[in-house]
């Protein structure tokens, strides 16, 4: 078990599962979204927030950039 030997590894390193968990909870509690466009908008917002968190960017700063029409994008490294 890698997380025992390396403290920087999470014991449940399944980030993709963690990302969709809240959407599934929303569907269970309220029965889903009223229309497709609402669900799509929420999925896009949650995806953006998840990406900036994983890249250690302040969420508020990232959202401000998005509202200013210059969303944060990861730097691509083609080495």
N, C-alpha and C. Protein backbone atom coordinates (compact mmCIF):
# COMPACT_ATOMS: atom_id res chain seq x y z
N UNK A 1 0.83 -1.17 0.00
CA UNK A 1 0.00 0.00 0.00
C UNK A 1 0.88 1.24 0.00
N UNK A 2 0.80 1.94 -1.08
CA UNK A 2 1.68 3.08 -1.31
C UNK A 2 1.46 4.20 -0.29
N UNK A 3 0.20 4.43 0.14
CA UNK A 3 -0.07 5.55 1.04
C UNK A 3 0.52 5.34 2.44
N UNK A 4 0.87 4.11 2.78
CA UNK A 4 1.50 3.86 4.07
C UNK A 4 2.96 4.30 4.05
N UNK A 5 3.64 4.05 2.93
CA UNK A 5 5.04 4.41 2.82
C UNK A 5 5.27 5.86 2.43
N UNK A 6 4.32 6.44 1.71
CA UNK A 6 4.47 7.81 1.21
C UNK A 6 3.31 8.66 1.73
N UNK A 7 3.61 9.56 2.65
CA UNK A 7 2.56 10.33 3.31
C UNK A 7 1.85 11.32 2.38
N UNK A 8 2.46 11.65 1.24
CA UNK A 8 1.82 12.60 0.32
C UNK A 8 0.82 11.93 -0.61
N UNK A 9 0.67 10.61 -0.53
CA UNK A 9 -0.30 9.88 -1.34
C UNK A 9 -1.57 9.69 -0.51
N UNK A 10 -2.70 10.09 -1.07
CA UNK A 10 -3.98 9.93 -0.38
C UNK A 10 -4.36 8.45 -0.31
N UNK A 11 -5.04 8.06 0.76
CA UNK A 11 -5.43 6.65 0.89
C UNK A 11 -6.55 6.28 -0.06
N UNK A 12 -7.27 7.27 -0.56
CA UNK A 12 -8.31 7.00 -1.56
C UNK A 12 -8.02 7.87 -2.79
N UNK A 13 -6.99 7.55 -3.49
CA UNK A 13 -6.51 8.41 -4.58
C UNK A 13 -7.34 8.27 -5.86
N UNK A 14 -8.63 8.14 -5.71
CA UNK A 14 -9.52 8.04 -6.86
C UNK A 14 -10.20 9.40 -7.02
N UNK A 15 -9.48 10.36 -7.58
CA UNK A 15 -9.99 11.72 -7.69
C UNK A 15 -11.20 11.82 -8.61
N UNK A 16 -11.25 11.02 -9.65
CA UNK A 16 -12.39 11.07 -10.57
C UNK A 16 -13.67 10.67 -9.86
N UNK A 17 -13.60 9.65 -9.01
CA UNK A 17 -14.78 9.24 -8.26
C UNK A 17 -15.22 10.34 -7.31
N UNK A 18 -14.28 10.97 -6.67
CA UNK A 18 -14.59 12.04 -5.73
C UNK A 18 -15.26 13.21 -6.45
N UNK A 19 -14.86 13.47 -7.69
CA UNK A 19 -15.43 14.57 -8.46
C UNK A 19 -16.89 14.36 -8.81
N UNK A 20 -17.27 13.12 -9.09
CA UNK A 20 -18.67 12.89 -9.49
C UNK A 20 -19.59 12.57 -8.32
N UNK A 21 -19.03 12.35 -7.15
CA UNK A 21 -19.84 11.95 -6.00
C UNK A 21 -20.93 12.97 -5.67
N UNK A 22 -20.60 14.26 -5.64
CA UNK A 22 -21.60 15.27 -5.28
C UNK A 22 -22.71 15.37 -6.32
N UNK A 23 -22.39 15.17 -7.57
CA UNK A 23 -23.43 15.18 -8.60
C UNK A 23 -24.40 14.01 -8.37
N UNK A 24 -23.86 12.87 -8.01
CA UNK A 24 -24.71 11.70 -7.75
C UNK A 24 -25.59 11.93 -6.53
N UNK A 25 -25.03 12.54 -5.49
CA UNK A 25 -25.82 12.86 -4.30
C UNK A 25 -26.95 13.82 -4.67
N UNK A 26 -26.67 14.82 -5.48
CA UNK A 26 -27.70 15.78 -5.93
C UNK A 26 -28.82 15.05 -6.67
N UNK A 27 -28.45 14.11 -7.52
CA UNK A 27 -29.45 13.35 -8.27
C UNK A 27 -30.32 12.51 -7.32
N UNK A 28 -29.70 11.91 -6.30
CA UNK A 28 -30.44 11.06 -5.37
C UNK A 28 -31.40 11.89 -4.52
N UNK A 29 -30.96 13.04 -4.05
CA UNK A 29 -31.76 13.85 -3.14
C UNK A 29 -32.93 14.51 -3.86
N UNK A 30 -32.64 15.16 -4.98
CA UNK A 30 -33.69 15.95 -5.63
C UNK A 30 -34.27 15.26 -6.86
N UNK A 31 -33.74 14.14 -7.22
CA UNK A 31 -34.24 13.45 -8.40
C UNK A 31 -33.65 13.94 -9.70
N UNK A 32 -32.61 14.75 -9.62
CA UNK A 32 -31.93 15.23 -10.83
C UNK A 32 -32.18 16.70 -11.07
N UNK A 33 -31.96 17.11 -12.29
CA UNK A 33 -32.13 18.51 -12.67
C UNK A 33 -33.38 18.65 -13.52
N UNK A 34 -33.94 19.83 -13.53
CA UNK A 34 -35.18 20.04 -14.28
C UNK A 34 -34.99 19.96 -15.78
N UNK A 35 -33.85 20.42 -16.25
CA UNK A 35 -33.59 20.28 -17.69
C UNK A 35 -32.11 20.03 -17.92
N UNK A 36 -31.80 19.60 -19.12
CA UNK A 36 -30.44 19.21 -19.48
C UNK A 36 -29.47 20.38 -19.37
N UNK A 37 -29.89 21.58 -19.77
CA UNK A 37 -28.97 22.72 -19.76
C UNK A 37 -28.53 23.08 -18.35
N UNK A 38 -29.41 22.92 -17.36
CA UNK A 38 -29.03 23.20 -15.97
C UNK A 38 -27.98 22.20 -15.49
N UNK A 39 -28.22 20.94 -15.74
CA UNK A 39 -27.25 19.92 -15.36
C UNK A 39 -25.91 20.11 -16.03
N UNK A 40 -25.95 20.49 -17.30
CA UNK A 40 -24.71 20.73 -18.04
C UNK A 40 -23.94 21.92 -17.47
N UNK A 41 -24.65 23.00 -17.14
CA UNK A 41 -24.01 24.18 -16.57
C UNK A 41 -23.36 23.86 -15.23
N UNK A 42 -24.06 23.13 -14.38
CA UNK A 42 -23.51 22.77 -13.07
C UNK A 42 -22.29 21.86 -13.24
N UNK A 43 -22.35 20.93 -14.18
CA UNK A 43 -21.22 20.03 -14.43
C UNK A 43 -20.00 20.82 -14.91
N UNK A 44 -20.20 21.80 -15.77
CA UNK A 44 -19.09 22.62 -16.25
C UNK A 44 -18.46 23.43 -15.13
N UNK A 45 -19.30 24.02 -14.29
CA UNK A 45 -18.78 24.83 -13.17
C UNK A 45 -18.01 23.95 -12.20
N UNK A 46 -18.57 22.80 -11.84
CA UNK A 46 -17.89 21.91 -10.90
C UNK A 46 -16.58 21.37 -11.47
N UNK A 47 -16.56 21.11 -12.77
CA UNK A 47 -15.34 20.64 -13.42
C UNK A 47 -14.25 21.70 -13.38
N UNK A 48 -14.62 22.95 -13.65
CA UNK A 48 -13.65 24.05 -13.61
C UNK A 48 -13.09 24.22 -12.20
N UNK A 49 -13.97 24.21 -11.20
CA UNK A 49 -13.52 24.37 -9.82
C UNK A 49 -12.62 23.20 -9.41
N UNK A 50 -12.97 21.99 -9.80
CA UNK A 50 -12.15 20.83 -9.47
C UNK A 50 -10.76 20.93 -10.10
N UNK A 51 -10.71 21.39 -11.34
CA UNK A 51 -9.43 21.52 -12.03
C UNK A 51 -8.55 22.56 -11.37
N UNK A 52 -9.12 23.72 -11.02
CA UNK A 52 -8.26 24.74 -10.41
C UNK A 52 -7.82 24.32 -9.01
N UNK A 53 -8.66 23.59 -8.28
CA UNK A 53 -8.23 23.08 -6.96
C UNK A 53 -7.07 22.11 -7.10
N UNK A 54 -7.16 21.19 -8.06
CA UNK A 54 -6.11 20.20 -8.24
C UNK A 54 -4.79 20.83 -8.66
N UNK A 55 -4.86 22.02 -9.24
CA UNK A 55 -3.65 22.73 -9.64
C UNK A 55 -3.25 23.78 -8.63
N UNK A 56 -3.81 23.69 -7.43
CA UNK A 56 -3.47 24.55 -6.29
C UNK A 56 -3.66 26.04 -6.60
N UNK A 57 -4.73 26.34 -7.32
CA UNK A 57 -5.11 27.72 -7.59
C UNK A 57 -6.25 28.06 -6.64
N UNK A 58 -6.21 29.26 -6.08
CA UNK A 58 -7.27 29.71 -5.19
C UNK A 58 -8.59 29.72 -5.95
N UNK A 59 -9.61 29.09 -5.39
CA UNK A 59 -10.90 28.94 -6.08
C UNK A 59 -11.53 30.31 -6.35
N UNK A 60 -11.50 31.19 -5.37
CA UNK A 60 -12.09 32.53 -5.57
C UNK A 60 -11.37 33.27 -6.69
N UNK A 61 -10.04 33.22 -6.69
CA UNK A 61 -9.28 33.88 -7.76
C UNK A 61 -9.62 33.27 -9.12
N UNK A 62 -9.75 31.96 -9.16
CA UNK A 62 -10.10 31.29 -10.42
C UNK A 62 -11.48 31.67 -10.91
N UNK A 63 -12.44 31.78 -9.99
CA UNK A 63 -13.79 32.18 -10.38
C UNK A 63 -13.83 33.64 -10.85
N UNK A 64 -13.07 34.50 -10.19
CA UNK A 64 -13.00 35.90 -10.62
C UNK A 64 -12.45 35.98 -12.04
N UNK A 65 -11.40 35.21 -12.32
CA UNK A 65 -10.84 35.19 -13.68
C UNK A 65 -11.88 34.72 -14.69
N UNK A 66 -12.66 33.71 -14.31
CA UNK A 66 -13.69 33.20 -15.23
C UNK A 66 -14.74 34.26 -15.51
N UNK A 67 -15.16 34.99 -14.47
CA UNK A 67 -16.17 36.04 -14.67
C UNK A 67 -15.61 37.22 -15.46
N UNK A 68 -14.29 37.40 -15.43
CA UNK A 68 -13.65 38.45 -16.22
C UNK A 68 -13.36 37.97 -17.64
N UNK A 69 -13.84 36.79 -17.98
CA UNK A 69 -13.69 36.19 -19.31
C UNK A 69 -12.24 35.84 -19.67
N UNK A 70 -11.42 35.58 -18.66
CA UNK A 70 -10.06 35.08 -18.87
C UNK A 70 -9.84 33.90 -17.91
N UNK A 71 -10.53 32.77 -18.14
CA UNK A 71 -10.45 31.65 -17.20
C UNK A 71 -9.03 31.11 -17.07
N UNK A 72 -8.76 30.58 -15.88
CA UNK A 72 -7.46 29.98 -15.64
C UNK A 72 -7.33 28.73 -16.49
N UNK A 73 -6.19 28.58 -17.14
CA UNK A 73 -5.90 27.39 -17.92
C UNK A 73 -4.55 26.83 -17.48
N UNK A 74 -4.42 25.52 -17.43
CA UNK A 74 -3.13 24.94 -17.04
C UNK A 74 -2.09 25.22 -18.11
N UNK A 75 -0.85 25.38 -17.65
CA UNK A 75 0.25 25.58 -18.59
C UNK A 75 0.60 24.24 -19.21
N UNK A 76 0.65 24.20 -20.53
CA UNK A 76 0.98 22.96 -21.21
C UNK A 76 2.48 22.84 -21.33
N UNK A 77 2.98 21.64 -21.06
CA UNK A 77 4.41 21.39 -21.10
C UNK A 77 4.65 20.26 -22.10
N UNK A 78 5.29 20.59 -23.19
CA UNK A 78 5.52 19.60 -24.26
C UNK A 78 6.97 19.13 -24.29
N UNK A 79 7.56 18.88 -23.15
CA UNK A 79 8.96 18.41 -23.09
C UNK A 79 9.05 16.95 -23.39
